[in-house]
Amino acid sequence: MIQLDSVRLANILETGKNRTIMVVGDLMIDRYLWGGVTRISPEAPVPIINIEDDENRLGGAANVANNLIGLKSKPLLVGAVGDDKWANIFRNMLAEKGLSTKGLIADERRPTTVKTRIIGNNQHIARIDRERVIAISNEVCKEILSVVEEVVDEVDAIILQDYNKGVLTPDVIKGVTDIAVAAGKIVTVDPKFENFFQFQKATLFKPNRKETEEALMMRLDDEAAIEEATQRLQERLQAENVLITLSEKGMALRESNGEVSVAPTKARDVADVSGAGDTVIASVTFALAAGASMKEAVTLANIAAGIVCQEVGVVPIDTDRLMRMV
C-alpha cells in the first residue's frame, strides 16, 4: 500500500470537515450495561453482575454515522425505526448530536433494533437482541427513496450499510444507487450475504473475508485466491474498486485499473473487533469525500480499524486518535 504521514493526514482530515455523508441502512441502538462480577449465582452456573453504569450508543448503520461524527463530518442517517419508545430514544440521541431525524422512517411492523451488551469486569458476558428481521414494506421503501432523492444534491457521498435486518432490500439498493450515480456521487458499500450481488456499480465494494468466501464459494487462503476473488467481484458487480477486509491479515484492495495491493493490519493488542467494519467504511468514505486517492483512503481506514480493535465494545474513531497513531 502506501505510507500516510501526519502532514497529508492532517490535510485530509481538514478537507473532510463538515462534508455531508449519507448513511443508508439498518439502524440500531447499542445498549451497554457495565458492572462487576464478584460471585457465581447459586441458581445456575452463571456470573452475577452488579450493574454500575448503563449507556445507549448509536449502533448498526448509525455506528457508521458515529464514526463520521468522530471524523468531524456531517452524517445524514436514512433508514427505518419502530413505532416505539426506543425510536424516540434514537431520535433524541440524534438530536443531542445535532443530527437530522428527517431520514428516520417509522415502520410499525418492525420494532427498533436494540442490542444490549452486558460487560462484567471489562469482559463481554452476554448480548441480548430485541428485533424483528423482516423486509421493510413497499411504502417504507418509497419513503426512503423519496428522502434520498430530495437531499442527494446536498451530500458528498453515500454509504450503503447492510446488516441483513430488512432495510436494504433489492429495491432500496437499486433505487439509492441509481439516484446516486445519476447525481455523480461516491457510493460505498458494506454488504452482508443475503443481497450480496445486488450492490451494482459502487465506487467501492467492501465485504469482509467470510462474506466473500460464502458468496464466491471459495477459500481466501493465499494471495492468488485473494486476487482472483477481487477480480470476480469487480467484474460481477461492475464495481470501480473492491476492498476485502481480511481480519488479522489486513486488507486487499483492487482498484479500477486492476492493480491489487495489500495493507497489513495495524492492530496491536486486539481486545474486540466489534464495529471495526463500521469504522473502515466510514473512514474510507470520509477520505474519498475529502479528495484522497483510493490507496490513501484505504490506508487511513486501516489505521482507524487498528485503533478501534484495541477497545472493548463498539467504539468509534476520532481525528485525535488517528493523528496520535500516525
Protein backbone atom coordinates (compact mmCIF):
# COMPACT_ATOMS: atom_id res chain seq x y z
CA MET A 1 0.00 0.00 0.00
CA ILE A 2 1.39 3.47 0.85
CA GLN A 3 2.61 5.42 3.86
CA LEU A 4 0.41 8.24 5.16
CA ASP A 5 2.40 10.89 7.01
CA SER A 6 0.97 13.29 9.55
CA VAL A 7 1.03 16.26 7.15
CA ARG A 8 -1.04 14.51 4.49
CA LEU A 9 -3.37 13.01 7.11
CA ALA A 10 -3.95 16.45 8.63
CA ASN A 11 -4.79 17.78 5.16
CA ILE A 12 -7.34 15.01 4.52
CA LEU A 13 -8.91 15.47 7.95
CA GLU A 14 -9.19 19.23 7.48
CA THR A 15 -10.64 18.93 3.96
CA GLY A 16 -13.16 16.34 5.11
CA LYS A 17 -14.51 18.50 7.91
CA ASN A 18 -18.23 19.23 7.53
CA ARG A 19 -18.56 17.11 4.38
CA THR A 20 -22.05 15.60 4.36
CA ILE A 21 -22.17 11.83 4.03
CA MET A 22 -25.44 9.94 3.81
CA VAL A 23 -25.67 6.55 5.51
CA VAL A 24 -28.50 4.28 4.35
CA GLY A 25 -29.05 1.01 6.17
CA ASP A 26 -30.09 -0.89 9.27
CA LEU A 27 -30.31 1.47 12.24
CA MET A 28 -29.85 0.14 15.77
CA ILE A 29 -29.22 1.13 19.35
CA ASP A 30 -26.23 -0.42 21.10
CA ARG A 31 -27.08 -0.59 24.80
CA TYR A 32 -24.32 -1.31 27.30
CA LEU A 33 -24.69 -2.50 30.89
CA TRP A 34 -21.38 -2.22 32.75
CA GLY A 35 -20.67 -3.81 36.11
CA GLY A 36 -18.55 -6.01 38.31
CA VAL A 37 -18.62 -9.76 38.84
CA THR A 38 -17.93 -10.96 42.38
CA ARG A 39 -19.56 -14.39 42.54
CA ILE A 40 -21.42 -17.15 40.71
CA SER A 41 -25.18 -17.47 41.06
CA PRO A 42 -26.40 -20.26 43.36
CA GLU A 43 -29.36 -20.74 40.99
CA ALA A 44 -27.31 -21.58 37.89
CA PRO A 45 -23.60 -21.60 36.90
CA VAL A 46 -23.66 -18.00 35.66
CA PRO A 47 -21.92 -14.86 36.96
CA ILE A 48 -23.86 -12.31 38.99
CA ILE A 49 -23.17 -8.82 37.64
CA ASN A 50 -23.78 -5.78 39.79
CA ILE A 51 -24.67 -3.10 37.24
CA GLU A 52 -22.78 0.12 37.90
CA ASP A 53 -23.49 2.05 34.71
CA ASP A 54 -25.54 1.88 31.52
CA GLU A 55 -25.26 3.67 28.22
CA ASN A 56 -27.07 3.88 24.89
CA ARG A 57 -24.99 4.35 21.74
CA LEU A 58 -25.76 4.65 18.05
CA GLY A 59 -25.44 1.17 16.56
CA GLY A 60 -25.53 -0.67 13.25
CA ALA A 61 -25.54 1.78 10.35
CA ALA A 62 -25.85 4.51 12.98
CA ASN A 63 -22.43 3.49 14.33
CA VAL A 64 -21.05 4.35 10.90
CA ALA A 65 -22.53 7.80 11.47
CA ASN A 66 -20.92 7.87 14.91
CA ASN A 67 -17.53 7.29 13.27
CA LEU A 68 -18.22 10.08 10.79
CA ILE A 69 -19.01 12.40 13.69
CA GLY A 70 -15.66 11.45 15.23
CA LEU A 71 -14.02 12.46 11.95
CA LYS A 72 -15.89 15.79 12.12
CA SER A 73 -18.01 15.26 9.02
CA LYS A 74 -21.81 15.53 8.89
CA PRO A 75 -23.67 12.23 8.62
CA LEU A 76 -27.25 12.03 7.42
CA LEU A 77 -28.93 8.80 8.53
CA VAL A 78 -31.63 7.20 6.41
CA GLY A 79 -33.41 4.02 7.48
CA ALA A 80 -36.32 2.52 9.42
CA VAL A 81 -37.09 2.57 13.13
CA GLY A 82 -40.06 1.19 15.02
CA ASP A 83 -43.08 2.99 16.38
CA ASP A 84 -41.94 2.57 19.99
CA LYS A 85 -40.12 4.20 22.89
CA TRP A 86 -36.74 3.13 21.51
CA ALA A 87 -37.42 5.08 18.31
CA ASN A 88 -37.99 8.19 20.44
CA ILE A 89 -34.77 7.46 22.33
CA PHE A 90 -32.99 7.10 18.97
CA ARG A 91 -34.34 10.45 17.75
CA ASN A 92 -33.25 12.12 20.98
CA MET A 93 -29.76 10.64 20.58
CA LEU A 94 -29.50 12.14 17.09
CA ALA A 95 -30.84 15.49 18.28
CA GLU A 96 -28.24 15.59 21.07
CA LYS A 97 -25.54 15.21 18.43
CA GLY A 98 -27.07 17.91 16.25
CA LEU A 99 -28.13 15.44 13.55
CA SER A 100 -31.26 15.50 11.46
CA THR A 101 -34.02 12.94 12.08
CA LYS A 102 -35.53 13.54 8.65
CA GLY A 103 -34.33 10.20 7.31
CA LEU A 104 -35.88 8.09 10.09
CA ILE A 105 -38.92 6.32 8.67
CA ALA A 106 -41.31 4.72 11.17
CA ASP A 107 -42.28 1.11 10.42
CA GLU A 108 -44.85 -0.11 12.95
CA ARG A 109 -44.36 -3.74 11.87
CA ARG A 110 -40.73 -3.77 12.99
CA PRO A 111 -39.54 -2.68 16.46
CA THR A 112 -36.44 -0.55 16.73
CA THR A 113 -33.47 -2.90 16.90
CA VAL A 114 -31.74 -2.79 20.28
CA LYS A 115 -28.65 -4.85 21.06
CA THR A 116 -27.84 -4.98 24.76
CA ARG A 117 -24.31 -5.98 25.71
CA ILE A 118 -23.55 -6.96 29.28
CA ILE A 119 -19.97 -6.23 30.33
CA GLY A 120 -18.62 -7.62 33.61
CA ASN A 121 -15.09 -6.85 34.82
CA ASN A 122 -14.38 -5.46 31.34
CA GLN A 123 -15.31 -8.81 29.78
CA HIS A 124 -18.18 -9.28 27.32
CA ILE A 125 -20.53 -11.63 29.22
CA ALA A 126 -23.66 -11.74 27.06
CA ARG A 127 -25.68 -9.95 24.37
CA ILE A 128 -29.47 -9.63 24.23
CA ASP A 129 -31.12 -8.67 20.92
CA ARG A 130 -34.54 -7.07 20.52
CA GLU A 131 -35.57 -7.06 16.87
CA ARG A 132 -37.83 -8.45 14.15
CA VAL A 133 -35.93 -9.33 10.98
CA ILE A 134 -38.32 -8.82 8.06
CA ALA A 135 -38.07 -6.74 4.92
CA ILE A 136 -39.49 -3.23 5.02
CA SER A 137 -42.76 -2.66 3.19
CA ASN A 138 -43.06 -1.09 -0.26
CA GLU A 139 -44.44 2.05 1.39
CA VAL A 140 -41.38 2.41 3.66
CA CYS A 141 -39.12 1.73 0.66
CA LYS A 142 -40.76 4.57 -1.27
CA GLU A 143 -40.38 6.92 1.70
CA ILE A 144 -36.67 6.10 2.00
CA LEU A 145 -36.07 6.68 -1.72
CA SER A 146 -38.04 9.93 -1.55
CA VAL A 147 -35.74 11.22 1.21
CA VAL A 148 -32.62 10.15 -0.70
CA GLU A 149 -33.77 11.84 -3.90
CA GLU A 150 -34.71 15.01 -2.04
CA VAL A 151 -31.32 15.50 -0.36
CA VAL A 152 -28.86 13.81 -2.75
CA ASP A 153 -27.57 17.12 -4.10
CA GLU A 154 -26.62 18.16 -0.55
CA VAL A 155 -24.35 15.17 0.14
CA ASP A 156 -20.78 14.37 -0.91
CA ALA A 157 -21.03 10.58 -0.66
CA ILE A 158 -23.46 7.79 0.18
CA ILE A 159 -22.74 4.67 2.26
CA LEU A 160 -24.94 1.58 1.96
CA GLN A 161 -24.53 -0.29 5.24
CA ASP A 162 -26.22 -3.69 5.37
CA TYR A 163 -26.81 -5.94 8.38
CA ASN A 164 -29.44 -8.18 6.76
CA LYS A 165 -32.13 -6.71 9.00
CA GLY A 166 -34.51 -5.84 6.15
CA VAL A 167 -33.91 -2.19 5.23
CA LEU A 168 -31.59 -2.70 2.27
CA THR A 169 -33.95 -4.65 0.04
CA PRO A 170 -33.10 -5.05 -3.67
CA ASP A 171 -35.46 -2.16 -4.48
CA VAL A 172 -33.82 0.14 -1.95
CA ILE A 173 -30.32 -0.84 -3.09
CA LYS A 174 -31.06 -0.24 -6.77
CA GLY A 175 -33.08 2.90 -6.10
CA VAL A 176 -30.43 4.57 -3.94
CA THR A 177 -27.60 3.55 -6.29
CA ASP A 178 -29.44 4.84 -9.38
CA ILE A 179 -30.12 8.17 -7.68
CA ALA A 180 -26.50 8.47 -6.52
CA VAL A 181 -24.95 7.51 -9.86
CA ALA A 182 -27.20 9.95 -11.73
CA ALA A 183 -26.07 12.68 -9.34
CA GLY A 184 -22.39 11.74 -9.70
CA LYS A 185 -21.95 10.86 -6.03
CA ILE A 186 -19.44 8.50 -4.40
CA VAL A 187 -21.18 5.25 -3.39
CA THR A 188 -19.52 2.84 -0.95
CA VAL A 189 -20.97 -0.48 0.18
CA ASP A 190 -20.53 -2.64 3.27
CA PRO A 191 -22.59 -5.73 2.35
CA LYS A 192 -23.96 -8.81 4.03
CA PHE A 193 -24.62 -12.17 2.45
CA GLU A 194 -28.34 -12.05 1.63
CA ASN A 195 -28.27 -9.31 -1.04
CA PHE A 196 -24.55 -9.53 -1.71
CA PHE A 197 -24.76 -9.38 -5.51
CA GLN A 198 -27.47 -6.71 -5.63
CA PHE A 199 -24.95 -3.93 -4.95
CA GLN A 200 -24.05 -2.95 -8.50
CA LYS A 201 -21.87 -0.09 -9.81
CA ALA A 202 -20.47 1.10 -6.48
CA THR A 203 -17.41 3.31 -6.20
CA LEU A 204 -16.12 0.88 -3.57
CA PHE A 205 -17.48 -2.53 -2.56
CA LYS A 206 -16.15 -3.63 0.86
CA PRO A 207 -17.00 -7.15 2.04
CA ASN A 208 -15.08 -9.00 4.72
CA ARG A 209 -13.32 -12.29 4.23
CA LYS A 210 -16.16 -14.51 5.50
CA GLU A 211 -18.78 -12.78 3.36
CA THR A 212 -16.59 -13.08 0.28
CA GLU A 213 -15.83 -16.76 0.84
CA GLU A 214 -19.52 -17.56 1.29
CA ALA A 215 -20.64 -15.53 -1.73
CA LEU A 216 -17.99 -16.86 -4.11
CA MET A 217 -17.82 -20.34 -2.54
CA MET A 218 -14.03 -20.27 -2.37
CA ARG A 219 -11.33 -20.06 0.29
CA LEU A 220 -9.16 -16.96 0.53
CA ASP A 221 -6.15 -18.83 1.84
CA ASP A 222 -3.38 -17.31 -0.30
CA GLU A 223 -2.56 -14.22 -2.37
CA ALA A 224 -3.64 -15.82 -5.64
CA ALA A 225 -7.08 -16.65 -4.26
CA ILE A 226 -7.50 -13.16 -2.84
CA GLU A 227 -6.56 -11.58 -6.17
CA GLU A 228 -8.97 -13.87 -8.02
CA ALA A 229 -11.76 -13.01 -5.58
CA THR A 230 -11.28 -9.26 -6.03
CA GLN A 231 -11.36 -9.66 -9.80
CA ARG A 232 -14.50 -11.78 -9.76
CA LEU A 233 -16.29 -9.30 -7.52
CA GLN A 234 -15.20 -6.32 -9.58
CA GLU A 235 -16.45 -7.90 -12.80
CA ARG A 236 -19.71 -9.35 -11.48
CA LEU A 237 -20.70 -6.22 -9.55
CA GLN A 238 -19.35 -3.69 -12.07
CA ALA A 239 -17.66 -2.06 -9.08
CA GLU A 240 -14.97 0.55 -9.65
CA ASN A 241 -12.93 -0.69 -6.67
CA VAL A 242 -13.11 -3.70 -4.35
CA LEU A 243 -11.73 -3.83 -0.81
CA ILE A 244 -11.77 -7.10 1.14
CA THR A 245 -11.03 -6.86 4.85
CA LEU A 246 -9.02 -9.90 5.96
CA SER A 247 -9.05 -9.57 9.76
CA GLU A 248 -5.52 -10.16 11.10
CA LYS A 249 -4.12 -10.21 7.53
CA GLY A 250 -5.16 -6.64 6.81
CA MET A 251 -7.00 -5.51 3.69
CA ALA A 252 -6.77 -6.30 -0.03
CA LEU A 253 -7.63 -3.54 -2.50
CA ARG A 254 -8.33 -3.95 -6.22
CA GLU A 255 -8.53 -0.60 -7.98
CA SER A 256 -10.31 0.34 -11.17
CA ASN A 257 -7.10 -0.16 -13.17
CA GLY A 258 -6.83 -3.77 -11.98
CA GLU A 259 -3.94 -3.17 -9.57
CA VAL A 260 -4.12 -5.26 -6.40
CA SER A 261 -2.35 -4.23 -3.20
CA VAL A 262 -2.47 -5.41 0.40
CA ALA A 263 -2.37 -3.27 3.54
CA PRO A 264 -1.13 -5.28 6.55
CA THR A 265 -3.15 -4.93 9.73
CA LYS A 266 -2.37 -2.02 12.04
CA ALA A 267 -3.97 -3.60 15.10
CA ARG A 268 -1.67 -4.12 18.09
CA ASP A 269 -3.38 -5.75 21.06
CA VAL A 270 -6.81 -6.78 19.77
CA ALA A 271 -9.45 -6.51 22.52
CA ASP A 272 -12.67 -6.56 20.45
CA VAL A 273 -13.34 -6.45 16.69
CA SER A 274 -16.95 -5.26 17.17
CA GLY A 275 -17.64 -2.27 14.97
CA ALA A 276 -14.34 -2.42 13.08
CA GLY A 277 -16.15 -2.83 9.76
CA ASP A 278 -18.22 0.28 10.50
CA THR A 279 -15.02 2.21 11.16
CA VAL A 280 -13.47 1.04 7.89
CA ILE A 281 -16.40 2.02 5.66
CA ALA A 282 -16.83 5.35 7.46
CA SER A 283 -13.14 6.23 7.30
CA VAL A 284 -12.60 5.23 3.69
CA THR A 285 -15.71 7.12 2.54
CA PHE A 286 -14.76 10.18 4.57
CA ALA A 287 -11.30 10.21 2.97
CA LEU A 288 -12.68 9.78 -0.56
CA ALA A 289 -15.14 12.63 0.04
CA ALA A 290 -12.16 14.73 1.16
CA GLY A 291 -10.40 14.09 -2.14
CA ALA A 292 -7.98 11.36 -1.05
CA SER A 293 -6.82 8.75 -3.52
CA MET A 294 -8.19 5.24 -3.11
CA LYS A 295 -4.89 4.00 -1.62
CA GLU A 296 -4.77 6.93 0.81
CA ALA A 297 -8.36 6.30 1.85
CA VAL A 298 -7.73 2.60 2.47
CA THR A 299 -4.54 3.34 4.40
CA LEU A 300 -6.39 5.78 6.65
CA ALA A 301 -9.20 3.25 7.18
CA ASN A 302 -6.70 0.52 8.02
CA ILE A 303 -5.10 2.67 10.71
CA ALA A 304 -8.52 3.59 12.12
CA ALA A 305 -9.60 -0.07 12.29
CA GLY A 306 -6.41 -0.96 14.15
CA ILE A 307 -7.19 1.66 16.77
CA VAL A 308 -10.80 0.64 17.49
CA CYS A 309 -9.91 -3.06 17.71
CA GLN A 310 -7.91 -2.22 20.82
CA GLU A 311 -11.06 -1.14 22.69
CA VAL A 312 -13.79 -3.22 24.33
CA GLY A 313 -17.20 -2.79 22.71
CA VAL A 314 -18.25 -0.77 19.67
CA VAL A 315 -16.10 2.35 19.83
CA PRO A 316 -15.92 4.96 17.02
CA ILE A 317 -12.74 6.50 15.68
CA ASP A 318 -11.84 10.17 16.07
CA THR A 319 -9.33 12.54 14.50
CA ASP A 320 -7.15 12.95 17.60
CA ARG A 321 -6.53 9.21 17.92
CA LEU A 322 -5.74 8.95 14.20
CA MET A 323 -3.16 11.72 14.42
CA ARG A 324 -1.54 10.17 17.51
CA MET A 325 -1.30 6.77 15.79
CA VAL A 326 0.33 8.20 12.65
